[in-house]
Amino acid sequence: MNPEIRSGKPCVSGTRITVLDVLSYLAAGMSMEEIISDFRALDKEKIIATLSFTAYRDKITTIAFAS
């Protein structure tokens, strides 16, 4: 996250593609292959890392609110 890039939203490392962008594409039904085809800066590992980041961030948020 960098406040100078995409208003500080979490981005895939080395890109200006936000985590939310990737999640939105997946939620809309795009396959990993379609996303990679449209966004050459992404690969399968980066998409999986995006999902892992989201799961980790959700876990932290859940724990913080549960206390």
PDB file of N, CA and C in Angstrom:
ATOM      1  N   MET A   1       0.844  -1.173   0.000  1.00  0.00           N
ATOM      2  CA  MET A   1       0.000   0.000   0.000  1.00  0.00           C
ATOM      3  C   MET A   1       0.891   1.238   0.000  1.00  0.00           C
ATOM      4  N   ASN A   2       0.561   2.141  -0.875  1.00  0.00           N
ATOM      5  CA  ASN A   2       1.316   3.378  -1.000  1.00  0.00           C
ATOM      6  C   ASN A   2       0.308   4.506  -1.211  1.00  0.00           C
ATOM      7  N   PRO A   3       0.298   5.518  -0.337  1.00  0.00           N
ATOM      8  CA  PRO A   3      -0.687   6.587  -0.470  1.00  0.00           C
ATOM      9  C   PRO A   3      -0.598   7.334  -1.813  1.00  0.00           C
ATOM     10  N   GLU A   4       0.515   7.200  -2.500  1.00  0.00           N
ATOM     11  CA  GLU A   4       0.706   7.879  -3.778  1.00  0.00           C
ATOM     12  C   GLU A   4       0.145   7.073  -4.964  1.00  0.00           C
ATOM     13  N   ILE A   5      -0.178   5.802  -4.720  1.00  0.00           N
ATOM     14  CA  ILE A   5      -0.665   4.927  -5.792  1.00  0.00           C
ATOM     15  C   ILE A   5      -2.075   4.467  -5.453  1.00  0.00           C
ATOM     16  N   ARG A   6      -3.008   4.756  -6.344  1.00  0.00           N
ATOM     17  CA  ARG A   6      -4.417   4.346  -6.205  1.00  0.00           C
ATOM     18  C   ARG A   6      -4.995   4.718  -4.832  1.00  0.00           C
ATOM     19  N   SER A   7      -4.648   5.908  -4.378  1.00  0.00           N
ATOM     20  CA  SER A   7      -5.164   6.453  -3.110  1.00  0.00           C
ATOM     21  C   SER A   7      -4.862   5.567  -1.905  1.00  0.00           C
ATOM     22  N   GLY A   8      -3.775   4.819  -1.964  1.00  0.00           N
ATOM     23  CA  GLY A   8      -3.353   3.996  -0.844  1.00  0.00           C
ATOM     24  C   GLY A   8      -4.049   2.654  -0.734  1.00  0.00           C
ATOM     25  N   LYS A   9      -4.878   2.315  -1.722  1.00  0.00           N
ATOM     26  CA  LYS A   9      -5.546   1.013  -1.697  1.00  0.00           C
ATOM     27  C   LYS A   9      -4.497  -0.083  -1.905  1.00  0.00           C
ATOM     28  N   PRO A  10      -4.702  -1.256  -1.309  1.00  0.00           N
ATOM     29  CA  PRO A  10      -3.738  -2.351  -1.509  1.00  0.00           C
ATOM     30  C   PRO A  10      -3.680  -2.756  -2.982  1.00  0.00           C
ATOM     31  N   CYS A  11      -2.466  -2.790  -3.516  1.00  0.00           N
ATOM     32  CA  CYS A  11      -2.249  -3.152  -4.919  1.00  0.00           C
ATOM     33  C   CYS A  11      -1.380  -4.405  -5.004  1.00  0.00           C
ATOM     34  N   VAL A  12      -1.519  -5.100  -6.114  1.00  0.00           N
ATOM     35  CA  VAL A  12      -0.650  -6.231  -6.401  1.00  0.00           C
ATOM     36  C   VAL A  12       0.762  -5.677  -6.574  1.00  0.00           C
ATOM     37  N   SER A  13       1.714  -6.308  -5.942  1.00  0.00           N
ATOM     38  CA  SER A  13       3.093  -5.845  -5.955  1.00  0.00           C
ATOM     39  C   SER A  13       3.594  -5.559  -7.377  1.00  0.00           C
ATOM     40  N   GLY A  14       4.167  -4.378  -7.549  1.00  0.00           N
ATOM     41  CA  GLY A  14       4.744  -3.996  -8.834  1.00  0.00           C
ATOM     42  C   GLY A  14       3.734  -3.542  -9.874  1.00  0.00           C
ATOM     43  N   THR A  15       2.469  -3.379  -9.463  1.00  0.00           N
ATOM     44  CA  THR A  15       1.434  -2.948 -10.405  1.00  0.00           C
ATOM     45  C   THR A  15       0.587  -1.834  -9.783  1.00  0.00           C
ATOM     46  N   ARG A  16      -0.320  -1.302 -10.579  1.00  0.00           N
ATOM     47  CA  ARG A  16      -1.312  -0.363 -10.079  1.00  0.00           C
ATOM     48  C   ARG A  16      -2.695  -1.036 -10.025  1.00  0.00           C
ATOM     49  N   ILE A  17      -2.700  -2.348 -10.076  1.00  0.00           N
ATOM     50  CA  ILE A  17      -3.930  -3.130 -10.035  1.00  0.00           C
ATOM     51  C   ILE A  17      -4.253  -3.402  -8.569  1.00  0.00           C
ATOM     52  N   THR A  18      -5.446  -2.962  -8.130  1.00  0.00           N
ATOM     53  CA  THR A  18      -5.787  -3.142  -6.725  1.00  0.00           C
ATOM     54  C   THR A  18      -6.288  -4.552  -6.441  1.00  0.00           C
ATOM     55  N   VAL A  19      -6.195  -4.914  -5.174  1.00  0.00           N
ATOM     56  CA  VAL A  19      -6.732  -6.191  -4.709  1.00  0.00           C
ATOM     57  C   VAL A  19      -8.226  -6.235  -5.029  1.00  0.00           C
ATOM     58  N   LEU A  20      -8.918  -5.134  -4.806  1.00  0.00           N
ATOM     59  CA  LEU A  20     -10.350  -5.080  -5.088  1.00  0.00           C
ATOM     60  C   LEU A  20     -10.634  -5.306  -6.572  1.00  0.00           C
ATOM     61  N   ASP A  21      -9.783  -4.772  -7.449  1.00  0.00           N
ATOM     62  CA  ASP A  21      -9.950  -5.012  -8.889  1.00  0.00           C
ATOM     63  C   ASP A  21      -9.937  -6.511  -9.174  1.00  0.00           C
ATOM     64  N   VAL A  22      -8.934  -7.200  -8.656  1.00  0.00           N
ATOM     65  CA  VAL A  22      -8.795  -8.637  -8.918  1.00  0.00           C
ATOM     66  C   VAL A  22      -9.993  -9.398  -8.354  1.00  0.00           C
ATOM     67  N   LEU A  23     -10.385  -9.067  -7.128  1.00  0.00           N
ATOM     68  CA  LEU A  23     -11.538  -9.744  -6.524  1.00  0.00           C
ATOM     69  C   LEU A  23     -12.808  -9.477  -7.323  1.00  0.00           C
ATOM     70  N   SER A  24     -12.959  -8.270  -7.816  1.00  0.00           N
ATOM     71  CA  SER A  24     -14.140  -7.927  -8.615  1.00  0.00           C
ATOM     72  C   SER A  24     -14.177  -8.720  -9.912  1.00  0.00           C
ATOM     73  N   TYR A  25     -13.028  -8.881 -10.555  1.00  0.00           N
ATOM     74  CA  TYR A  25     -12.976  -9.660 -11.801  1.00  0.00           C
ATOM     75  C   TYR A  25     -13.352 -11.113 -11.532  1.00  0.00           C
ATOM     76  N   LEU A  26     -12.822 -11.672 -10.443  1.00  0.00           N
ATOM     77  CA  LEU A  26     -13.146 -13.056 -10.098  1.00  0.00           C
ATOM     78  C   LEU A  26     -14.633 -13.194  -9.752  1.00  0.00           C
ATOM     79  N   ALA A  27     -15.158 -12.248  -8.996  1.00  0.00           N
ATOM     80  CA  ALA A  27     -16.568 -12.287  -8.609  1.00  0.00           C
ATOM     81  C   ALA A  27     -17.495 -12.154  -9.819  1.00  0.00           C
ATOM     82  N   ALA A  28     -17.015 -11.456 -10.842  1.00  0.00           N
ATOM     83  CA  ALA A  28     -17.812 -11.285 -12.057  1.00  0.00           C
ATOM     84  C   ALA A  28     -17.768 -12.528 -12.946  1.00  0.00           C
ATOM     85  N   GLY A  29     -16.959 -13.516 -12.538  1.00  0.00           N
ATOM     86  CA  GLY A  29     -16.918 -14.760 -13.287  1.00  0.00           C
ATOM     87  C   GLY A  29     -15.720 -14.940 -14.198  1.00  0.00           C
ATOM     88  N   MET A  30     -14.790 -13.980 -14.181  1.00  0.00           N
ATOM     89  CA  MET A  30     -13.586 -14.144 -15.002  1.00  0.00           C
ATOM     90  C   MET A  30     -12.717 -15.248 -14.412  1.00  0.00           C
ATOM     91  N   SER A  31     -12.129 -16.037 -15.275  1.00  0.00           N
ATOM     92  CA  SER A  31     -11.181 -17.058 -14.822  1.00  0.00           C
ATOM     93  C   SER A  31      -9.814 -16.412 -14.618  1.00  0.00           C
ATOM     94  N   MET A  32      -8.939 -17.112 -13.926  1.00  0.00           N
ATOM     95  CA  MET A  32      -7.576 -16.595 -13.753  1.00  0.00           C
ATOM     96  C   MET A  32      -6.920 -16.383 -15.106  1.00  0.00           C
ATOM     97  N   GLU A  33      -7.152 -17.307 -16.017  1.00  0.00           N
ATOM     98  CA  GLU A  33      -6.544 -17.203 -17.348  1.00  0.00           C
ATOM     99  C   GLU A  33      -7.027 -15.946 -18.082  1.00  0.00           C
ATOM    100  N   GLU A  34      -8.314 -15.634 -17.950  1.00  0.00           N
ATOM    101  CA  GLU A  34      -8.852 -14.421 -18.599  1.00  0.00           C
ATOM    102  C   GLU A  34      -8.258 -13.163 -17.990  1.00  0.00           C
ATOM    103  N   ILE A  35      -8.123 -13.145 -16.673  1.00  0.00           N
ATOM    104  CA  ILE A  35      -7.532 -11.979 -16.005  1.00  0.00           C
ATOM    105  C   ILE A  35      -6.082 -11.810 -16.446  1.00  0.00           C
ATOM    106  N   ILE A  36      -5.339 -12.899 -16.466  1.00  0.00           N
ATOM    107  CA  ILE A  36      -3.934 -12.844 -16.882  1.00  0.00           C
ATOM    108  C   ILE A  36      -3.822 -12.383 -18.328  1.00  0.00           C
ATOM    109  N   SER A  37      -4.731 -12.817 -19.167  1.00  0.00           N
ATOM    110  CA  SER A  37      -4.731 -12.402 -20.569  1.00  0.00           C
ATOM    111  C   SER A  37      -4.982 -10.901 -20.708  1.00  0.00           C
ATOM    112  N   ASP A  38      -5.879 -10.370 -19.882  1.00  0.00           N
ATOM    113  CA  ASP A  38      -6.204  -8.942 -19.932  1.00  0.00           C
ATOM    114  C   ASP A  38      -5.175  -8.069 -19.231  1.00  0.00           C
ATOM    115  N   PHE A  39      -4.508  -8.618 -18.228  1.00  0.00           N
ATOM    116  CA  PHE A  39      -3.552  -7.848 -17.422  1.00  0.00           C
ATOM    117  C   PHE A  39      -2.236  -8.603 -17.356  1.00  0.00           C
ATOM    118  N   ARG A  40      -1.367  -8.331 -18.292  1.00  0.00           N
ATOM    119  CA  ARG A  40      -0.098  -9.068 -18.443  1.00  0.00           C
ATOM    120  C   ARG A  40       0.810  -8.965 -17.222  1.00  0.00           C
ATOM    121  N   ALA A  41       0.585  -7.951 -16.361  1.00  0.00           N
ATOM    122  CA  ALA A  41       1.403  -7.803 -15.154  1.00  0.00           C
ATOM    123  C   ALA A  41       1.041  -8.836 -14.097  1.00  0.00           C
ATOM    124  N   LEU A  42      -0.090  -9.526 -14.297  1.00  0.00           N
ATOM    125  CA  LEU A  42      -0.530 -10.529 -13.331  1.00  0.00           C
ATOM    126  C   LEU A  42      -0.182 -11.929 -13.812  1.00  0.00           C
ATOM    127  N   ASP A  43       0.004 -12.817 -12.858  1.00  0.00           N
ATOM    128  CA  ASP A  43       0.160 -14.237 -13.153  1.00  0.00           C
ATOM    129  C   ASP A  43      -0.606 -15.000 -12.078  1.00  0.00           C
ATOM    130  N   LYS A  44      -0.658 -16.303 -12.200  1.00  0.00           N
ATOM    131  CA  LYS A  44      -1.438 -17.124 -11.277  1.00  0.00           C
ATOM    132  C   LYS A  44      -0.992 -16.909  -9.832  1.00  0.00           C
ATOM    133  N   GLU A  45       0.304 -16.828  -9.610  1.00  0.00           N
ATOM    134  CA  GLU A  45       0.830 -16.656  -8.256  1.00  0.00           C
ATOM    135  C   GLU A  45       0.385 -15.329  -7.651  1.00  0.00           C
ATOM    136  N   LYS A  46       0.349 -14.275  -8.446  1.00  0.00           N
ATOM    137  CA  LYS A  46      -0.077 -12.969  -7.930  1.00  0.00           C
ATOM    138  C   LYS A  46      -1.572 -12.955  -7.619  1.00  0.00           C
ATOM    139  N   ILE A  47      -2.351 -13.650  -8.410  1.00  0.00           N
ATOM    140  CA  ILE A  47      -3.792 -13.719  -8.133  1.00  0.00           C
ATOM    141  C   ILE A  47      -4.029 -14.518  -6.850  1.00  0.00           C
ATOM    142  N   ILE A  48      -3.319 -15.611  -6.685  1.00  0.00           N
ATOM    143  CA  ILE A  48      -3.440 -16.403  -5.458  1.00  0.00           C
ATOM    144  C   ILE A  48      -2.963 -15.593  -4.255  1.00  0.00           C
ATOM    145  N   ALA A  49      -1.893 -14.823  -4.419  1.00  0.00           N
ATOM    146  CA  ALA A  49      -1.413 -13.965  -3.336  1.00  0.00           C
ATOM    147  C   ALA A  49      -2.467 -12.922  -2.971  1.00  0.00           C
ATOM    148  N   THR A  50      -3.195 -12.424  -3.962  1.00  0.00           N
ATOM    149  CA  THR A  50      -4.269 -11.468  -3.704  1.00  0.00           C
ATOM    150  C   THR A  50      -5.349 -12.111  -2.837  1.00  0.00           C
ATOM    151  N   LEU A  51      -5.712 -13.340  -3.156  1.00  0.00           N
ATOM    152  CA  LEU A  51      -6.709 -14.054  -2.354  1.00  0.00           C
ATOM    153  C   LEU A  51      -6.194 -14.319  -0.943  1.00  0.00           C
ATOM    154  N   SER A  52      -4.938 -14.682  -0.828  1.00  0.00           N
ATOM    155  CA  SER A  52      -4.337 -14.919   0.490  1.00  0.00           C
ATOM    156  C   SER A  52      -4.307 -13.639   1.313  1.00  0.00           C
ATOM    157  N   PHE A  53      -3.940 -12.532   0.690  1.00  0.00           N
ATOM    158  CA  PHE A  53      -3.930 -11.232   1.365  1.00  0.00           C
ATOM    159  C   PHE A  53      -5.312 -10.905   1.896  1.00  0.00           C
ATOM    160  N   THR A  54      -6.332 -11.125   1.070  1.00  0.00           N
ATOM    161  CA  THR A  54      -7.698 -10.808   1.469  1.00  0.00           C
ATOM    162  C   THR A  54      -8.129 -11.676   2.645  1.00  0.00           C
ATOM    163  N   ALA A  55      -7.823 -12.959   2.595  1.00  0.00           N
ATOM    164  CA  ALA A  55      -8.184 -13.861   3.685  1.00  0.00           C
ATOM    165  C   ALA A  55      -7.466 -13.458   4.974  1.00  0.00           C
ATOM    166  N   TYR A  56      -6.197 -13.111   4.866  1.00  0.00           N
ATOM    167  CA  TYR A  56      -5.407 -12.695   6.030  1.00  0.00           C
ATOM    168  C   TYR A  56      -5.960 -11.399   6.603  1.00  0.00           C
ATOM    169  N   ARG A  57      -6.238 -10.452   5.743  1.00  0.00           N
ATOM    170  CA  ARG A  57      -6.748  -9.153   6.193  1.00  0.00           C
ATOM    171  C   ARG A  57      -8.111  -9.328   6.859  1.00  0.00           C
ATOM    172  N   ASP A  58      -8.960 -10.180   6.308  1.00  0.00           N
ATOM    173  CA  ASP A  58     -10.271 -10.435   6.901  1.00  0.00           C
ATOM    174  C   ASP A  58     -10.115 -11.072   8.278  1.00  0.00           C
ATOM    175  N   LYS A  59      -9.152 -11.968   8.416  1.00  0.00           N
ATOM    176  CA  LYS A  59      -8.909 -12.627   9.700  1.00  0.00           C
ATOM    177  C   LYS A  59      -8.489 -11.601  10.753  1.00  0.00           C
ATOM    178  N   ILE A  60      -7.606 -10.693  10.379  1.00  0.00           N
ATOM    179  CA  ILE A  60      -7.153  -9.660  11.319  1.00  0.00           C
ATOM    180  C   ILE A  60      -8.320  -8.763  11.707  1.00  0.00           C
ATOM    181  N   THR A  61      -9.124  -8.359  10.746  1.00  0.00           N
ATOM    182  CA  THR A  61     -10.271  -7.502  11.006  1.00  0.00           C
ATOM    183  C   THR A  61     -11.251  -8.207  11.942  1.00  0.00           C
ATOM    184  N   THR A  62     -11.491  -9.467  11.690  1.00  0.00           N
ATOM    185  CA  THR A  62     -12.425 -10.246  12.520  1.00  0.00           C
ATOM    186  C   THR A  62     -11.908 -10.341  13.947  1.00  0.00           C
ATOM    187  N   ILE A  63     -10.641 -10.600  14.100  1.00  0.00           N
ATOM    188  CA  ILE A  63     -10.067 -10.702  15.435  1.00  0.00           C
ATOM    189  C   ILE A  63     -10.136  -9.355  16.160  1.00  0.00           C
ATOM    190  N   ALA A  64      -9.832  -8.288  15.459  1.00  0.00           N
ATOM    191  CA  ALA A  64      -9.862  -6.971  16.069  1.00  0.00           C
ATOM    192  C   ALA A  64     -11.265  -6.609  16.565  1.00  0.00           C
ATOM    193  N   PHE A  65     -12.286  -6.964  15.815  1.00  0.00           N
ATOM    194  CA  PHE A  65     -13.643  -6.647  16.228  1.00  0.00           C
ATOM    195  C   PHE A  65     -14.162  -7.606  17.287  1.00  0.00           C
ATOM    196  N   ALA A  66     -13.602  -8.806  17.339  1.00  0.00           N
ATOM    197  CA  ALA A  66     -14.065  -9.802  18.300  1.00  0.00           C
ATOM    198  C   ALA A  66     -13.580  -9.502  19.707  1.00  0.00           C
ATOM    199  N   SER A  67     -12.521  -8.746  19.852  1.00  0.00           N
ATOM    200  CA  SER A  67     -11.948  -8.462  21.175  1.00  0.00           C
ATOM    201  C   SER A  67     -12.819  -7.536  21.988  1.00  0.00           C
TER     202      SER A  67
END
